[in-house]
Amino acid sequence: ERDEDAWDRQFEEDVTAGKLDDLA
């Protein structure tokens, strides 16, 4: 659960920072 939560937080940070925009 801790690992999944950390992954979710990192994903949200990456989305917010625009790191996935090119892939989208």
mmCIF file of all heavy atoms, coordinates in Angstrom:
data_MODEL
# 
_entry.id   MODEL 
# 
loop_
_atom_site.group_PDB 
_atom_site.id 
_atom_site.type_symbol 
_atom_site.label_atom_id 
_atom_site.label_alt_id 
_atom_site.label_comp_id 
_atom_site.label_asym_id 
_atom_site.label_entity_id 
_atom_site.label_seq_id 
_atom_site.pdbx_PDB_ins_code 
_atom_site.Cartn_x 
_atom_site.Cartn_y 
_atom_site.Cartn_z 
_atom_site.occupancy 
_atom_site.B_iso_or_equiv 
_atom_site.pdbx_formal_charge 
_atom_site.auth_seq_id 
_atom_site.auth_comp_id 
_atom_site.auth_asym_id 
_atom_site.auth_atom_id 
_atom_site.pdbx_PDB_model_num 
ATOM 1   N N   . GLU A 1 1  ? 0.825  -1.208 0.000   1.00 0.00 ? 1  GLU A N   1 
ATOM 2   C CA  . GLU A 1 1  ? 0.000  0.000  0.000   1.00 0.00 ? 1  GLU A CA  1 
ATOM 3   C C   . GLU A 1 1  ? 0.860  1.260  0.000   1.00 0.00 ? 1  GLU A C   1 
ATOM 4   O O   . GLU A 1 1  ? 0.566  2.219  -0.722  1.00 0.00 ? 1  GLU A O   1 
ATOM 5   C CB  . GLU A 1 1  ? -0.942 0.005  1.202   1.00 0.00 ? 1  GLU A CB  1 
ATOM 6   C CG  . GLU A 1 1  ? -2.066 -0.998 1.082   1.00 0.00 ? 1  GLU A CG  1 
ATOM 7   C CD  . GLU A 1 1  ? -2.910 -1.106 2.340   1.00 0.00 ? 1  GLU A CD  1 
ATOM 8   O OE1 . GLU A 1 1  ? -2.702 -0.315 3.287   1.00 0.00 ? 1  GLU A OE1 1 
ATOM 9   O OE2 . GLU A 1 1  ? -3.799 -1.986 2.369   1.00 0.00 ? 1  GLU A OE2 1 
ATOM 10  N N   . ARG A 1 2  ? 1.928  1.263  0.804   1.00 0.00 ? 2  ARG A N   1 
ATOM 11  C CA  . ARG A 1 2  ? 2.827  2.424  0.845   1.00 0.00 ? 2  ARG A CA  1 
ATOM 12  C C   . ARG A 1 2  ? 3.474  2.637  -0.518  1.00 0.00 ? 2  ARG A C   1 
ATOM 13  O O   . ARG A 1 2  ? 3.599  3.769  -0.986  1.00 0.00 ? 2  ARG A O   1 
ATOM 14  C CB  . ARG A 1 2  ? 3.916  2.216  1.902   1.00 0.00 ? 2  ARG A CB  1 
ATOM 15  C CG  . ARG A 1 2  ? 3.460  2.186  3.334   1.00 0.00 ? 2  ARG A CG  1 
ATOM 16  C CD  . ARG A 1 2  ? 3.244  3.561  3.900   1.00 0.00 ? 2  ARG A CD  1 
ATOM 17  N NE  . ARG A 1 2  ? 4.434  4.364  3.791   1.00 0.00 ? 2  ARG A NE  1 
ATOM 18  C CZ  . ARG A 1 2  ? 5.105  4.879  4.802   1.00 0.00 ? 2  ARG A CZ  1 
ATOM 19  N NH1 . ARG A 1 2  ? 4.672  4.703  6.018   1.00 0.00 ? 2  ARG A NH1 1 
ATOM 20  N NH2 . ARG A 1 2  ? 6.175  5.600  4.595   1.00 0.00 ? 2  ARG A NH2 1 
ATOM 21  N N   . ASP A 1 3  ? 3.885  1.558  -1.161  1.00 0.00 ? 3  ASP A N   1 
ATOM 22  C CA  . ASP A 1 3  ? 4.520  1.661  -2.471  1.00 0.00 ? 3  ASP A CA  1 
ATOM 23  C C   . ASP A 1 3  ? 3.536  2.193  -3.513  1.00 0.00 ? 3  ASP A C   1 
ATOM 24  O O   . ASP A 1 3  ? 3.876  3.061  -4.316  1.00 0.00 ? 3  ASP A O   1 
ATOM 25  C CB  . ASP A 1 3  ? 5.068  0.289  -2.878  1.00 0.00 ? 3  ASP A CB  1 
ATOM 26  C CG  . ASP A 1 3  ? 5.823  0.340  -4.185  1.00 0.00 ? 3  ASP A CG  1 
ATOM 27  O OD1 . ASP A 1 3  ? 6.746  1.176  -4.312  1.00 0.00 ? 3  ASP A OD1 1 
ATOM 28  O OD2 . ASP A 1 3  ? 5.488  -0.448 -5.087  1.00 0.00 ? 3  ASP A OD2 1 
ATOM 29  N N   . GLU A 1 4  ? 2.308  1.688  -3.485  1.00 0.00 ? 4  GLU A N   1 
ATOM 30  C CA  . GLU A 1 4  ? 1.290  2.159  -4.426  1.00 0.00 ? 4  GLU A CA  1 
ATOM 31  C C   . GLU A 1 4  ? 0.977  3.627  -4.203  1.00 0.00 ? 4  GLU A C   1 
ATOM 32  O O   . GLU A 1 4  ? 0.817  4.388  -5.167  1.00 0.00 ? 4  GLU A O   1 
ATOM 33  C CB  . GLU A 1 4  ? 0.028  1.309  -4.306  1.00 0.00 ? 4  GLU A CB  1 
ATOM 34  C CG  . GLU A 1 4  ? 0.201  -0.101 -4.837  1.00 0.00 ? 4  GLU A CG  1 
ATOM 35  C CD  . GLU A 1 4  ? -0.980 -1.012 -4.518  1.00 0.00 ? 4  GLU A CD  1 
ATOM 36  O OE1 . GLU A 1 4  ? -1.929 -0.564 -3.835  1.00 0.00 ? 4  GLU A OE1 1 
ATOM 37  O OE2 . GLU A 1 4  ? -0.948 -2.177 -4.949  1.00 0.00 ? 4  GLU A OE2 1 
ATOM 38  N N   . ASP A 1 5  ? 0.892  4.048  -2.950  1.00 0.00 ? 5  ASP A N   1 
ATOM 39  C CA  . ASP A 1 5  ? 0.634  5.458  -2.645  1.00 0.00 ? 5  ASP A CA  1 
ATOM 40  C C   . ASP A 1 5  ? 1.768  6.343  -3.155  1.00 0.00 ? 5  ASP A C   1 
ATOM 41  O O   . ASP A 1 5  ? 1.523  7.419  -3.719  1.00 0.00 ? 5  ASP A O   1 
ATOM 42  C CB  . ASP A 1 5  ? 0.447  5.668  -1.139  1.00 0.00 ? 5  ASP A CB  1 
ATOM 43  C CG  . ASP A 1 5  ? -0.851 5.082  -0.615  1.00 0.00 ? 5  ASP A CG  1 
ATOM 44  O OD1 . ASP A 1 5  ? -1.755 4.767  -1.418  1.00 0.00 ? 5  ASP A OD1 1 
ATOM 45  O OD2 . ASP A 1 5  ? -0.963 4.941  0.622   1.00 0.00 ? 5  ASP A OD2 1 
ATOM 46  N N   . ALA A 1 6  ? 3.004  5.886  -2.973  1.00 0.00 ? 6  ALA A N   1 
ATOM 47  C CA  . ALA A 1 6  ? 4.159  6.656  -3.448  1.00 0.00 ? 6  ALA A CA  1 
ATOM 48  C C   . ALA A 1 6  ? 4.130  6.756  -4.975  1.00 0.00 ? 6  ALA A C   1 
ATOM 49  O O   . ALA A 1 6  ? 4.414  7.824  -5.544  1.00 0.00 ? 6  ALA A O   1 
ATOM 50  C CB  . ALA A 1 6  ? 5.463  6.006  -2.981  1.00 0.00 ? 6  ALA A CB  1 
ATOM 51  N N   . TRP A 1 7  ? 3.766  5.671  -5.645  1.00 0.00 ? 7  TRP A N   1 
ATOM 52  C CA  . TRP A 1 7  ? 3.686  5.674  -7.109  1.00 0.00 ? 7  TRP A CA  1 
ATOM 53  C C   . TRP A 1 7  ? 2.616  6.657  -7.559  1.00 0.00 ? 7  TRP A C   1 
ATOM 54  O O   . TRP A 1 7  ? 2.835  7.443  -8.491  1.00 0.00 ? 7  TRP A O   1 
ATOM 55  C CB  . TRP A 1 7  ? 3.371  4.265  -7.622  1.00 0.00 ? 7  TRP A CB  1 
ATOM 56  C CG  . TRP A 1 7  ? 3.536  4.133  -9.107  1.00 0.00 ? 7  TRP A CG  1 
ATOM 57  C CD1 . TRP A 1 7  ? 4.636  3.691  -9.765  1.00 0.00 ? 7  TRP A CD1 1 
ATOM 58  C CD2 . TRP A 1 7  ? 2.558  4.444  -10.113 1.00 0.00 ? 7  TRP A CD2 1 
ATOM 59  N NE1 . TRP A 1 7  ? 4.404  3.712  -11.126 1.00 0.00 ? 7  TRP A NE1 1 
ATOM 60  C CE2 . TRP A 1 7  ? 3.137  4.164  -11.368 1.00 0.00 ? 7  TRP A CE2 1 
ATOM 61  C CE3 . TRP A 1 7  ? 1.263  4.929  -10.083 1.00 0.00 ? 7  TRP A CE3 1 
ATOM 62  C CZ2 . TRP A 1 7  ? 2.477  4.366  -12.564 1.00 0.00 ? 7  TRP A CZ2 1 
ATOM 63  C CZ3 . TRP A 1 7  ? 0.591  5.137  -11.278 1.00 0.00 ? 7  TRP A CZ3 1 
ATOM 64  C CH2 . TRP A 1 7  ? 1.197  4.843  -12.507 1.00 0.00 ? 7  TRP A CH2 1 
ATOM 65  N N   . ASP A 1 8  ? 1.456  6.628  -6.899  1.00 0.00 ? 8  ASP A N   1 
ATOM 66  C CA  . ASP A 1 8  ? 0.366  7.548  -7.247  1.00 0.00 ? 8  ASP A CA  1 
ATOM 67  C C   . ASP A 1 8  ? 0.796  9.004  -7.071  1.00 0.00 ? 8  ASP A C   1 
ATOM 68  O O   . ASP A 1 8  ? 0.511  9.854  -7.931  1.00 0.00 ? 8  ASP A O   1 
ATOM 69  C CB  . ASP A 1 8  ? -0.873 7.281  -6.395  1.00 0.00 ? 8  ASP A CB  1 
ATOM 70  C CG  . ASP A 1 8  ? -1.582 5.991  -6.766  1.00 0.00 ? 8  ASP A CG  1 
ATOM 71  O OD1 . ASP A 1 8  ? -1.324 5.443  -7.862  1.00 0.00 ? 8  ASP A OD1 1 
ATOM 72  O OD2 . ASP A 1 8  ? -2.401 5.521  -5.941  1.00 0.00 ? 8  ASP A OD2 1 
ATOM 73  N N   . ARG A 1 9  ? 1.482  9.299  -5.959  1.00 0.00 ? 9  ARG A N   1 
ATOM 74  C CA  . ARG A 1 9  ? 1.943  10.673 -5.724  1.00 0.00 ? 9  ARG A CA  1 
ATOM 75  C C   . ARG A 1 9  ? 2.931  11.104 -6.801  1.00 0.00 ? 9  ARG A C   1 
ATOM 76  O O   . ARG A 1 9  ? 2.840  12.220 -7.328  1.00 0.00 ? 9  ARG A O   1 
ATOM 77  C CB  . ARG A 1 9  ? 2.598  10.799 -4.351  1.00 0.00 ? 9  ARG A CB  1 
ATOM 78  C CG  . ARG A 1 9  ? 1.618  10.939 -3.209  1.00 0.00 ? 9  ARG A CG  1 
ATOM 79  C CD  . ARG A 1 9  ? 2.301  11.321 -1.909  1.00 0.00 ? 9  ARG A CD  1 
ATOM 80  N NE  . ARG A 1 9  ? 3.369  10.413 -1.519  1.00 0.00 ? 9  ARG A NE  1 
ATOM 81  C CZ  . ARG A 1 9  ? 3.191  9.259  -0.872  1.00 0.00 ? 9  ARG A CZ  1 
ATOM 82  N NH1 . ARG A 1 9  ? 1.974  8.867  -0.544  1.00 0.00 ? 9  ARG A NH1 1 
ATOM 83  N NH2 . ARG A 1 9  ? 4.218  8.501  -0.560  1.00 0.00 ? 9  ARG A NH2 1 
ATOM 84  N N   . GLN A 1 10 ? 3.855  10.219 -7.159  1.00 0.00 ? 10 GLN A N   1 
ATOM 85  C CA  . GLN A 1 10 ? 4.837  10.558 -8.194  1.00 0.00 ? 10 GLN A CA  1 
ATOM 86  C C   . GLN A 1 10 ? 4.158  10.777 -9.534  1.00 0.00 ? 10 GLN A C   1 
ATOM 87  O O   . GLN A 1 10 ? 4.487  11.706 -10.270 1.00 0.00 ? 10 GLN A O   1 
ATOM 88  C CB  . GLN A 1 10 ? 5.895  9.452  -8.317  1.00 0.00 ? 10 GLN A CB  1 
ATOM 89  C CG  . GLN A 1 10 ? 6.994  9.788  -9.308  1.00 0.00 ? 10 GLN A CG  1 
ATOM 90  C CD  . GLN A 1 10 ? 7.803  10.994 -8.884  1.00 0.00 ? 10 GLN A CD  1 
ATOM 91  O OE1 . GLN A 1 10 ? 8.351  11.019 -7.793  1.00 0.00 ? 10 GLN A OE1 1 
ATOM 92  N NE2 . GLN A 1 10 ? 7.880  12.005 -9.742  1.00 0.00 ? 10 GLN A NE2 1 
ATOM 93  N N   . PHE A 1 11 ? 3.187  9.936  -9.860  1.00 0.00 ? 11 PHE A N   1 
ATOM 94  C CA  . PHE A 1 11 ? 2.456  10.087 -11.123 1.00 0.00 ? 11 PHE A CA  1 
ATOM 95  C C   . PHE A 1 11 ? 1.745  11.430 -11.167 1.00 0.00 ? 11 PHE A C   1 
ATOM 96  O O   . PHE A 1 11 ? 1.821  12.154 -12.167 1.00 0.00 ? 11 PHE A O   1 
ATOM 97  C CB  . PHE A 1 11 ? 1.452  8.931  -11.293 1.00 0.00 ? 11 PHE A CB  1 
ATOM 98  C CG  . PHE A 1 11 ? 0.674  9.009  -12.573 1.00 0.00 ? 11 PHE A CG  1 
ATOM 99  C CD1 . PHE A 1 11 ? 1.242  8.604  -13.766 1.00 0.00 ? 11 PHE A CD1 1 
ATOM 100 C CD2 . PHE A 1 11 ? -0.627 9.486  -12.589 1.00 0.00 ? 11 PHE A CD2 1 
ATOM 101 C CE1 . PHE A 1 11 ? 0.534  8.667  -14.954 1.00 0.00 ? 11 PHE A CE1 1 
ATOM 102 C CE2 . PHE A 1 11 ? -1.345 9.562  -13.771 1.00 0.00 ? 11 PHE A CE2 1 
ATOM 103 C CZ  . PHE A 1 11 ? -0.762 9.157  -14.955 1.00 0.00 ? 11 PHE A CZ  1 
ATOM 104 N N   . GLU A 1 12 ? 1.061  11.793 -10.084 1.00 0.00 ? 12 GLU A N   1 
ATOM 105 C CA  . GLU A 1 12 ? 0.361  13.075 -10.020 1.00 0.00 ? 12 GLU A CA  1 
ATOM 106 C C   . GLU A 1 12 ? 1.343  14.238 -10.162 1.00 0.00 ? 12 GLU A C   1 
ATOM 107 O O   . GLU A 1 12 ? 1.051  15.223 -10.855 1.00 0.00 ? 12 GLU A O   1 
ATOM 108 C CB  . GLU A 1 12 ? -0.420 13.199 -8.715  1.00 0.00 ? 12 GLU A CB  1 
ATOM 109 C CG  . GLU A 1 12 ? -1.656 12.320 -8.666  1.00 0.00 ? 12 GLU A CG  1 
ATOM 110 C CD  . GLU A 1 12 ? -2.683 12.659 -9.738  1.00 0.00 ? 12 GLU A CD  1 
ATOM 111 O OE1 . GLU A 1 12 ? -2.838 13.847 -10.090 1.00 0.00 ? 12 GLU A OE1 1 
ATOM 112 O OE2 . GLU A 1 12 ? -3.327 11.726 -10.243 1.00 0.00 ? 12 GLU A OE2 1 
ATOM 113 N N   . GLU A 1 13 ? 2.497  14.141 -9.511  1.00 0.00 ? 13 GLU A N   1 
ATOM 114 C CA  . GLU A 1 13 ? 3.508  15.195 -9.632  1.00 0.00 ? 13 GLU A CA  1 
ATOM 115 C C   . GLU A 1 13 ? 3.994  15.310 -11.077 1.00 0.00 ? 13 GLU A C   1 
ATOM 116 O O   . GLU A 1 13 ? 4.166  16.423 -11.586 1.00 0.00 ? 13 GLU A O   1 
ATOM 117 C CB  . GLU A 1 13 ? 4.686  14.903 -8.707  1.00 0.00 ? 13 GLU A CB  1 
ATOM 118 C CG  . GLU A 1 13 ? 4.382  15.091 -7.239  1.00 0.00 ? 13 GLU A CG  1 
ATOM 119 C CD  . GLU A 1 13 ? 5.524  14.649 -6.334  1.00 0.00 ? 13 GLU A CD  1 
ATOM 120 O OE1 . GLU A 1 13 ? 6.662  14.456 -6.834  1.00 0.00 ? 13 GLU A OE1 1 
ATOM 121 O OE2 . GLU A 1 13 ? 5.277  14.507 -5.120  1.00 0.00 ? 13 GLU A OE2 1 
ATOM 122 N N   . ASP A 1 14 ? 4.201  14.168 -11.727 1.00 0.00 ? 14 ASP A N   1 
ATOM 123 C CA  . ASP A 1 14 ? 4.661  14.181 -13.117 1.00 0.00 ? 14 ASP A CA  1 
ATOM 124 C C   . ASP A 1 14 ? 3.607  14.779 -14.043 1.00 0.00 ? 14 ASP A C   1 
ATOM 125 O O   . ASP A 1 14 ? 3.930  15.553 -14.950 1.00 0.00 ? 14 ASP A O   1 
ATOM 126 C CB  . ASP A 1 14 ? 5.032  12.771 -13.578 1.00 0.00 ? 14 ASP A CB  1 
ATOM 127 C CG  . ASP A 1 14 ? 6.303  12.244 -12.926 1.00 0.00 ? 14 ASP A CG  1 
ATOM 128 O OD1 . ASP A 1 14 ? 7.019  13.035 -12.277 1.00 0.00 ? 14 ASP A OD1 1 
ATOM 129 O OD2 . ASP A 1 14 ? 6.557  11.027 -13.039 1.00 0.00 ? 14 ASP A OD2 1 
ATOM 130 N N   . VAL A 1 15 ? 2.340  14.436 -13.811 1.00 0.00 ? 15 VAL A N   1 
ATOM 131 C CA  . VAL A 1 15 ? 1.251  14.996 -14.628 1.00 0.00 ? 15 VAL A CA  1 
ATOM 132 C C   . VAL A 1 15 ? 1.186  16.499 -14.427 1.00 0.00 ? 15 VAL A C   1 
ATOM 133 O O   . VAL A 1 15 ? 1.119  17.272 -15.395 1.00 0.00 ? 15 VAL A O   1 
ATOM 134 C CB  . VAL A 1 15 ? -0.100 14.331 -14.280 1.00 0.00 ? 15 VAL A CB  1 
ATOM 135 C CG1 . VAL A 1 15 ? -1.259 15.092 -14.908 1.00 0.00 ? 15 VAL A CG1 1 
ATOM 136 C CG2 . VAL A 1 15 ? -0.111 12.881 -14.738 1.00 0.00 ? 15 VAL A CG2 1 
ATOM 137 N N   . THR A 1 16 ? 1.201  16.937 -13.177 1.00 0.00 ? 16 THR A N   1 
ATOM 138 C CA  . THR A 1 16 ? 1.122  18.361 -12.866 1.00 0.00 ? 16 THR A CA  1 
ATOM 139 C C   . THR A 1 16 ? 2.290  19.130 -13.473 1.00 0.00 ? 16 THR A C   1 
ATOM 140 O O   . THR A 1 16 ? 2.119  20.253 -13.955 1.00 0.00 ? 16 THR A O   1 
ATOM 141 C CB  . THR A 1 16 ? 1.082  18.576 -11.334 1.00 0.00 ? 16 THR A CB  1 
ATOM 142 O OG1 . THR A 1 16 ? -0.062 17.889 -10.812 1.00 0.00 ? 16 THR A OG1 1 
ATOM 143 C CG2 . THR A 1 16 ? 0.997  20.038 -10.973 1.00 0.00 ? 16 THR A CG2 1 
ATOM 144 N N   . ALA A 1 17 ? 3.463  18.519 -13.477 1.00 0.00 ? 17 ALA A N   1 
ATOM 145 C CA  . ALA A 1 17 ? 4.658  19.170 -14.020 1.00 0.00 ? 17 ALA A CA  1 
ATOM 146 C C   . ALA A 1 17 ? 4.714  19.117 -15.547 1.00 0.00 ? 17 ALA A C   1 
ATOM 147 O O   . ALA A 1 17 ? 5.620  19.676 -16.157 1.00 0.00 ? 17 ALA A O   1 
ATOM 148 C CB  . ALA A 1 17 ? 5.918  18.524 -13.435 1.00 0.00 ? 17 ALA A CB  1 
ATOM 149 N N   . GLY A 1 18 ? 3.757  18.420 -16.165 1.00 0.00 ? 18 GLY A N   1 
ATOM 150 C CA  . GLY A 1 18 ? 3.732  18.343 -17.622 1.00 0.00 ? 18 GLY A CA  1 
ATOM 151 C C   . GLY A 1 18 ? 4.674  17.317 -18.219 1.00 0.00 ? 18 GLY A C   1 
ATOM 152 O O   . GLY A 1 18 ? 4.893  17.298 -19.424 1.00 0.00 ? 18 GLY A O   1 
ATOM 153 N N   . LYS A 1 19 ? 5.215  16.445 -17.387 1.00 0.00 ? 19 LYS A N   1 
ATOM 154 C CA  . LYS A 1 19 ? 6.191  15.473 -17.880 1.00 0.00 ? 19 LYS A CA  1 
ATOM 155 C C   . LYS A 1 19 ? 5.582  14.426 -18.819 1.00 0.00 ? 19 LYS A C   1 
ATOM 156 O O   . LYS A 1 19 ? 6.318  13.748 -19.535 1.00 0.00 ? 19 LYS A O   1 
ATOM 157 C CB  . LYS A 1 19 ? 6.878  14.770 -16.712 1.00 0.00 ? 19 LYS A CB  1 
ATOM 158 C CG  . LYS A 1 19 ? 7.771  15.692 -15.906 1.00 0.00 ? 19 LYS A CG  1 
ATOM 159 C CD  . LYS A 1 19 ? 8.449  14.948 -14.781 1.00 0.00 ? 19 LYS A CD  1 
ATOM 160 C CE  . LYS A 1 19 ? 9.368  15.861 -13.996 1.00 0.00 ? 19 LYS A CE  1 
ATOM 161 N NZ  . LYS A 1 19 ? 10.043 15.143 -12.900 1.00 0.00 ? 19 LYS A NZ  1 
ATOM 162 N N   . LEU A 1 20 ? 4.270  14.295 -18.806 1.00 0.00 ? 20 LEU A N   1 
ATOM 163 C CA  . LEU A 1 20 ? 3.629  13.290 -19.662 1.00 0.00 ? 20 LEU A CA  1 
ATOM 164 C C   . LEU A 1 20 ? 2.914  13.911 -20.863 1.00 0.00 ? 20 LEU A C   1 
ATOM 165 O O   . LEU A 1 20 ? 2.283  13.207 -21.650 1.00 0.00 ? 20 LEU A O   1 
ATOM 166 C CB  . LEU A 1 20 ? 2.642  12.461 -18.830 1.00 0.00 ? 20 LEU A CB  1 
ATOM 167 C CG  . LEU A 1 20 ? 3.244  11.780 -17.607 1.00 0.00 ? 20 LEU A CG  1 
ATOM 168 C CD1 . LEU A 1 20 ? 2.168  11.086 -16.788 1.00 0.00 ? 20 LEU A CD1 1 
ATOM 169 C CD2 . LEU A 1 20 ? 4.322  10.795 -18.014 1.00 0.00 ? 20 LEU A CD2 1 
ATOM 170 N N   . ASP A 1 21 ? 3.026  15.225 -21.008 1.00 0.00 ? 21 ASP A N   1 
ATOM 171 C CA  . ASP A 1 21 ? 2.314  15.915 -22.077 1.00 0.00 ? 21 ASP A CA  1 
ATOM 172 C C   . ASP A 1 21 ? 2.686  15.396 -23.465 1.00 0.00 ? 21 ASP A C   1 
ATOM 173 O O   . ASP A 1 21 ? 1.812  15.200 -24.311 1.00 0.00 ? 21 ASP A O   1 
ATOM 174 C CB  . ASP A 1 21 ? 2.565  17.424 -22.009 1.00 0.00 ? 21 ASP A CB  1 
ATOM 175 C CG  . ASP A 1 21 ? 1.898  18.073 -20.817 1.00 0.00 ? 21 ASP A CG  1 
ATOM 176 O OD1 . ASP A 1 21 ? 1.121  17.387 -20.103 1.00 0.00 ? 21 ASP A OD1 1 
ATOM 177 O OD2 . ASP A 1 21 ? 2.161  19.282 -20.581 1.00 0.00 ? 21 ASP A OD2 1 
ATOM 178 N N   . ASP A 1 22 ? 3.973  15.175 -23.708 1.00 0.00 ? 22 ASP A N   1 
ATOM 179 C CA  . ASP A 1 22 ? 4.394  14.691 -25.032 1.00 0.00 ? 22 ASP A CA  1 
ATOM 180 C C   . ASP A 1 22 ? 3.813  13.308 -25.326 1.00 0.00 ? 22 ASP A C   1 
ATOM 181 O O   . ASP A 1 22 ? 3.399  13.023 -26.455 1.00 0.00 ? 22 ASP A O   1 
ATOM 182 C CB  . ASP A 1 22 ? 5.915  14.655 -25.144 1.00 0.00 ? 22 ASP A CB  1 
ATOM 183 C CG  . ASP A 1 22 ? 6.526  16.053 -25.229 1.00 0.00 ? 22 ASP A CG  1 
ATOM 184 O OD1 . ASP A 1 22 ? 5.801  17.007 -25.561 1.00 0.00 ? 22 ASP A OD1 1 
ATOM 185 O OD2 . ASP A 1 22 ? 7.736  16.167 -24.957 1.00 0.00 ? 22 ASP A OD2 1 
ATOM 186 N N   . LEU A 1 23 ? 3.768  12.446 -24.304 1.00 0.00 ? 23 LEU A N   1 
ATOM 187 C CA  . LEU A 1 23 ? 3.188  11.115 -24.504 1.00 0.00 ? 23 LEU A CA  1 
ATOM 188 C C   . LEU A 1 23 ? 1.701  11.207 -24.806 1.00 0.00 ? 23 LEU A C   1 
ATOM 189 O O   . LEU A 1 23 ? 1.188  10.475 -25.661 1.00 0.00 ? 23 LEU A O   1 
ATOM 190 C CB  . LEU A 1 23 ? 3.416  10.245 -23.258 1.00 0.00 ? 23 LEU A CB  1 
ATOM 191 C CG  . LEU A 1 23 ? 4.854  9.815  -22.991 1.00 0.00 ? 23 LEU A CG  1 
ATOM 192 C CD1 . LEU A 1 23 ? 4.941  9.100  -21.641 1.00 0.00 ? 23 LEU A CD1 1 
ATOM 193 C CD2 . LEU A 1 23 ? 5.350  8.907  -24.097 1.00 0.00 ? 23 LEU A CD2 1 
ATOM 194 N N   . ALA A 1 24 ? 1.008  12.092 -24.118 1.00 0.00 ? 24 ALA A N   1 
ATOM 195 C CA  . ALA A 1 24 ? -0.429 12.264 -24.350 1.00 0.00 ? 24 ALA A CA  1 
ATOM 196 C C   . ALA A 1 24 ? -0.679 12.787 -25.760 1.00 0.00 ? 24 ALA A C   1 
ATOM 197 O O   . ALA A 1 24 ? -1.603 12.318 -26.459 1.00 0.00 ? 24 ALA A O   1 
ATOM 198 C CB  . ALA A 1 24 ? -1.026 13.208 -23.318 1.00 0.00 ? 24 ALA A CB  1 
# 
